[in-house]
Amino acid sequence: MSDGTPINRQWVLSLKDGNVVIDWGDGLFQDVRAGDFIKVKESEISHHTLNEELDLLIRVGRVTSYTSTTVFFASLPERPQRTID
């Protein structure tokens, strides 16, 4: 079993500017290097992240491992949630 937060690989995307993001739905994406939650337009998405890109993220400590279906991320900040008033 791998360490880290498991994310289905279909939700891990590369943008045209080279950043790798996680698609959390509802137009919310997370930059995996900075941990920031950002808005991304569909036109900014390039492709599903390649093994070579994930290997680089392993070298910089953002990904612990991956399989053909899952990427395991190290220490992701939690998604912001609205509070109940």
N, C-alpha and C. Protein backbone atom coordinates (compact mmCIF):
# COMPACT_ATOMS: atom_id res chain seq x y z
N MET A 1 0.85 -1.18 0.00
CA MET A 1 0.00 0.00 0.00
C MET A 1 0.89 1.24 0.00
N SER A 2 0.53 2.22 -0.80
CA SER A 2 1.32 3.43 -0.93
C SER A 2 0.91 4.48 0.09
N ASP A 3 1.88 5.29 0.48
CA ASP A 3 1.62 6.42 1.37
C ASP A 3 1.10 7.59 0.55
N GLY A 4 0.36 8.46 1.19
CA GLY A 4 -0.13 9.66 0.53
C GLY A 4 -1.63 9.60 0.29
N THR A 5 -2.14 10.70 -0.21
CA THR A 5 -3.56 10.82 -0.52
C THR A 5 -3.82 10.26 -1.91
N PRO A 6 -4.65 9.21 -2.02
CA PRO A 6 -4.90 8.64 -3.35
C PRO A 6 -5.92 9.47 -4.13
N ILE A 7 -5.57 9.78 -5.38
CA ILE A 7 -6.44 10.51 -6.28
C ILE A 7 -6.54 9.71 -7.57
N ASN A 8 -7.77 9.50 -8.04
CA ASN A 8 -7.95 8.79 -9.30
C ASN A 8 -7.22 9.55 -10.41
N ARG A 9 -6.47 8.85 -11.21
CA ARG A 9 -5.61 9.46 -12.21
C ARG A 9 -6.39 10.28 -13.25
N GLN A 10 -7.65 9.97 -13.48
CA GLN A 10 -8.43 10.73 -14.45
C GLN A 10 -8.62 12.18 -14.02
N TRP A 11 -8.43 12.48 -12.74
CA TRP A 11 -8.63 13.84 -12.22
C TRP A 11 -7.32 14.62 -12.12
N VAL A 12 -6.21 14.02 -12.54
CA VAL A 12 -4.91 14.69 -12.50
C VAL A 12 -4.59 15.16 -13.92
N LEU A 13 -4.50 16.47 -14.10
CA LEU A 13 -4.39 17.06 -15.42
C LEU A 13 -3.18 17.98 -15.53
N SER A 14 -2.67 18.11 -16.74
CA SER A 14 -1.61 19.07 -17.02
C SER A 14 -2.20 20.23 -17.81
N LEU A 15 -1.81 21.43 -17.41
CA LEU A 15 -2.27 22.63 -18.10
C LEU A 15 -1.29 22.98 -19.22
N LYS A 16 -1.72 23.84 -20.11
CA LYS A 16 -0.87 24.26 -21.22
C LYS A 16 0.38 24.99 -20.74
N ASP A 17 0.33 25.61 -19.55
CA ASP A 17 1.50 26.31 -19.02
C ASP A 17 2.47 25.37 -18.29
N GLY A 18 2.14 24.07 -18.25
CA GLY A 18 3.02 23.08 -17.63
C GLY A 18 2.67 22.72 -16.20
N ASN A 19 1.79 23.46 -15.56
CA ASN A 19 1.39 23.14 -14.20
C ASN A 19 0.53 21.88 -14.19
N VAL A 20 0.66 21.11 -13.12
CA VAL A 20 -0.17 19.93 -12.92
C VAL A 20 -1.20 20.28 -11.85
N VAL A 21 -2.45 19.92 -12.12
CA VAL A 21 -3.54 20.25 -11.20
C VAL A 21 -4.41 19.02 -10.95
N ILE A 22 -5.14 19.09 -9.84
CA ILE A 22 -6.16 18.09 -9.53
C ILE A 22 -7.51 18.77 -9.76
N ASP A 23 -8.40 18.10 -10.48
CA ASP A 23 -9.74 18.60 -10.74
C ASP A 23 -10.65 18.10 -9.62
N TRP A 24 -11.09 19.02 -8.75
CA TRP A 24 -11.97 18.66 -7.64
C TRP A 24 -13.44 18.82 -8.02
N GLY A 25 -13.73 19.22 -9.24
CA GLY A 25 -15.11 19.42 -9.65
C GLY A 25 -15.59 20.83 -9.36
N ASP A 26 -16.74 21.17 -9.91
CA ASP A 26 -17.34 22.49 -9.72
C ASP A 26 -16.40 23.62 -10.12
N GLY A 27 -15.51 23.37 -11.08
CA GLY A 27 -14.59 24.41 -11.54
C GLY A 27 -13.43 24.70 -10.61
N LEU A 28 -13.26 23.88 -9.57
CA LEU A 28 -12.18 24.09 -8.61
C LEU A 28 -11.03 23.13 -8.90
N PHE A 29 -9.84 23.68 -9.03
CA PHE A 29 -8.64 22.89 -9.29
C PHE A 29 -7.60 23.21 -8.23
N GLN A 30 -6.69 22.28 -8.01
CA GLN A 30 -5.61 22.50 -7.05
C GLN A 30 -4.27 22.33 -7.75
N ASP A 31 -3.44 23.36 -7.67
CA ASP A 31 -2.08 23.29 -8.19
C ASP A 31 -1.29 22.37 -7.27
N VAL A 32 -0.76 21.27 -7.79
CA VAL A 32 -0.14 20.28 -6.91
C VAL A 32 1.22 20.73 -6.38
N ARG A 33 1.90 21.63 -7.05
CA ARG A 33 3.19 22.11 -6.53
C ARG A 33 3.00 23.11 -5.41
N ALA A 34 2.13 24.10 -5.61
CA ALA A 34 1.93 25.15 -4.62
C ALA A 34 0.87 24.79 -3.59
N GLY A 35 -0.05 23.89 -3.95
CA GLY A 35 -1.15 23.54 -3.05
C GLY A 35 -2.32 24.51 -3.13
N ASP A 36 -2.18 25.56 -3.94
CA ASP A 36 -3.23 26.58 -4.05
C ASP A 36 -4.43 26.05 -4.81
N PHE A 37 -5.62 26.51 -4.40
CA PHE A 37 -6.85 26.20 -5.12
C PHE A 37 -7.09 27.32 -6.12
N ILE A 38 -7.30 26.95 -7.37
CA ILE A 38 -7.39 27.93 -8.45
C ILE A 38 -8.58 27.61 -9.36
N LYS A 39 -9.00 28.62 -10.10
CA LYS A 39 -10.01 28.43 -11.15
C LYS A 39 -9.26 28.20 -12.45
N VAL A 40 -9.72 27.26 -13.25
CA VAL A 40 -9.08 26.94 -14.52
C VAL A 40 -10.17 26.87 -15.59
N LYS A 41 -9.91 27.53 -16.70
CA LYS A 41 -10.83 27.43 -17.84
C LYS A 41 -10.52 26.14 -18.60
N GLU A 42 -11.54 25.55 -19.16
CA GLU A 42 -11.36 24.31 -19.91
C GLU A 42 -10.32 24.47 -21.02
N SER A 43 -10.24 25.65 -21.60
CA SER A 43 -9.28 25.90 -22.69
C SER A 43 -7.83 25.87 -22.21
N GLU A 44 -7.60 25.95 -20.89
CA GLU A 44 -6.25 25.93 -20.34
C GLU A 44 -5.72 24.51 -20.13
N ILE A 45 -6.62 23.51 -20.19
CA ILE A 45 -6.23 22.12 -19.94
C ILE A 45 -5.59 21.54 -21.20
N SER A 46 -4.45 20.89 -21.02
CA SER A 46 -3.73 20.31 -22.14
C SER A 46 -4.00 18.82 -22.28
N HIS A 47 -3.78 18.04 -21.18
CA HIS A 47 -3.89 16.58 -21.26
C HIS A 47 -3.88 15.97 -19.86
N HIS A 48 -4.21 14.67 -19.81
CA HIS A 48 -4.03 13.93 -18.56
C HIS A 48 -2.53 13.79 -18.32
N THR A 49 -2.13 13.92 -17.09
CA THR A 49 -0.71 13.95 -16.75
C THR A 49 -0.01 12.65 -17.13
N LEU A 50 1.14 12.80 -17.75
CA LEU A 50 1.94 11.67 -18.23
C LEU A 50 2.84 11.12 -17.13
N ASN A 51 3.29 9.88 -17.30
CA ASN A 51 4.19 9.25 -16.33
C ASN A 51 5.44 10.10 -16.11
N GLU A 52 5.99 10.67 -17.17
CA GLU A 52 7.20 11.49 -17.05
C GLU A 52 6.97 12.71 -16.16
N GLU A 53 5.79 13.29 -16.26
CA GLU A 53 5.46 14.44 -15.42
C GLU A 53 5.29 14.01 -13.96
N LEU A 54 4.70 12.85 -13.75
CA LEU A 54 4.55 12.33 -12.39
C LEU A 54 5.90 11.96 -11.80
N ASP A 55 6.82 11.45 -12.62
CA ASP A 55 8.17 11.15 -12.14
C ASP A 55 8.86 12.41 -11.63
N LEU A 56 8.67 13.52 -12.33
CA LEU A 56 9.24 14.80 -11.88
C LEU A 56 8.63 15.21 -10.54
N LEU A 57 7.31 15.02 -10.39
CA LEU A 57 6.66 15.37 -9.12
C LEU A 57 7.12 14.47 -7.98
N ILE A 58 7.50 13.23 -8.28
CA ILE A 58 8.10 12.36 -7.26
C ILE A 58 9.44 12.94 -6.83
N ARG A 59 10.25 13.36 -7.80
CA ARG A 59 11.58 13.90 -7.48
C ARG A 59 11.51 15.16 -6.62
N VAL A 60 10.45 15.98 -6.79
CA VAL A 60 10.32 17.20 -5.99
C VAL A 60 9.48 16.98 -4.72
N GLY A 61 9.03 15.74 -4.49
CA GLY A 61 8.36 15.41 -3.24
C GLY A 61 6.88 15.68 -3.16
N ARG A 62 6.23 15.96 -4.28
CA ARG A 62 4.79 16.22 -4.25
C ARG A 62 3.97 14.96 -4.45
N VAL A 63 4.54 13.96 -5.12
CA VAL A 63 3.88 12.67 -5.35
C VAL A 63 4.75 11.59 -4.71
N THR A 64 4.10 10.65 -4.02
CA THR A 64 4.87 9.56 -3.42
C THR A 64 5.01 8.38 -4.36
N SER A 65 3.95 8.10 -5.15
CA SER A 65 3.98 7.02 -6.14
C SER A 65 2.73 7.13 -7.00
N TYR A 66 2.67 6.28 -8.02
CA TYR A 66 1.49 6.24 -8.88
C TYR A 66 1.37 4.88 -9.54
N THR A 67 0.14 4.58 -9.97
CA THR A 67 -0.14 3.38 -10.74
C THR A 67 -0.85 3.83 -12.01
N SER A 68 -1.34 2.88 -12.78
CA SER A 68 -2.06 3.25 -13.99
C SER A 68 -3.41 3.91 -13.68
N THR A 69 -3.91 3.76 -12.46
CA THR A 69 -5.22 4.30 -12.12
C THR A 69 -5.22 5.33 -10.98
N THR A 70 -4.14 5.40 -10.21
CA THR A 70 -4.13 6.24 -9.01
C THR A 70 -2.81 6.97 -8.86
N VAL A 71 -2.89 8.22 -8.39
CA VAL A 71 -1.71 9.00 -8.03
C VAL A 71 -1.78 9.25 -6.54
N PHE A 72 -0.68 9.02 -5.82
CA PHE A 72 -0.62 9.23 -4.38
C PHE A 72 0.16 10.51 -4.10
N PHE A 73 -0.55 11.51 -3.55
CA PHE A 73 0.04 12.82 -3.30
C PHE A 73 0.46 12.95 -1.84
N ALA A 74 1.60 13.61 -1.65
CA ALA A 74 2.10 13.89 -0.30
C ALA A 74 1.49 15.20 0.19
N SER A 75 0.96 15.21 1.36
CA SER A 75 0.49 16.40 2.09
C SER A 75 -0.25 17.45 1.26
N LEU A 76 -1.42 17.10 0.81
CA LEU A 76 -2.27 18.08 0.11
C LEU A 76 -3.07 18.88 1.13
N PRO A 77 -3.13 20.22 0.95
CA PRO A 77 -4.02 21.01 1.81
C PRO A 77 -5.47 20.59 1.57
N GLU A 78 -6.31 20.73 2.57
CA GLU A 78 -7.71 20.36 2.42
C GLU A 78 -8.45 21.35 1.55
N ARG A 79 -9.44 20.81 0.83
CA ARG A 79 -10.29 21.64 -0.02
C ARG A 79 -11.10 22.59 0.84
N PRO A 80 -11.17 23.88 0.45
CA PRO A 80 -11.98 24.82 1.24
C PRO A 80 -13.46 24.44 1.19
N GLN A 81 -14.11 24.50 2.32
CA GLN A 81 -15.53 24.15 2.40
C GLN A 81 -16.29 25.34 2.98
N ARG A 82 -17.51 25.53 2.50
CA ARG A 82 -18.37 26.57 3.07
C ARG A 82 -18.87 26.09 4.42
N THR A 83 -18.97 27.01 5.35
CA THR A 83 -19.50 26.67 6.66
C THR A 83 -21.01 26.93 6.66
N ILE A 84 -21.67 26.24 7.53
CA ILE A 84 -23.11 26.42 7.68
C ILE A 84 -23.33 27.61 8.61
N ASP A 85 -24.11 28.57 8.14
CA ASP A 85 -24.37 29.77 8.97
C ASP A 85 -25.46 29.51 9.98
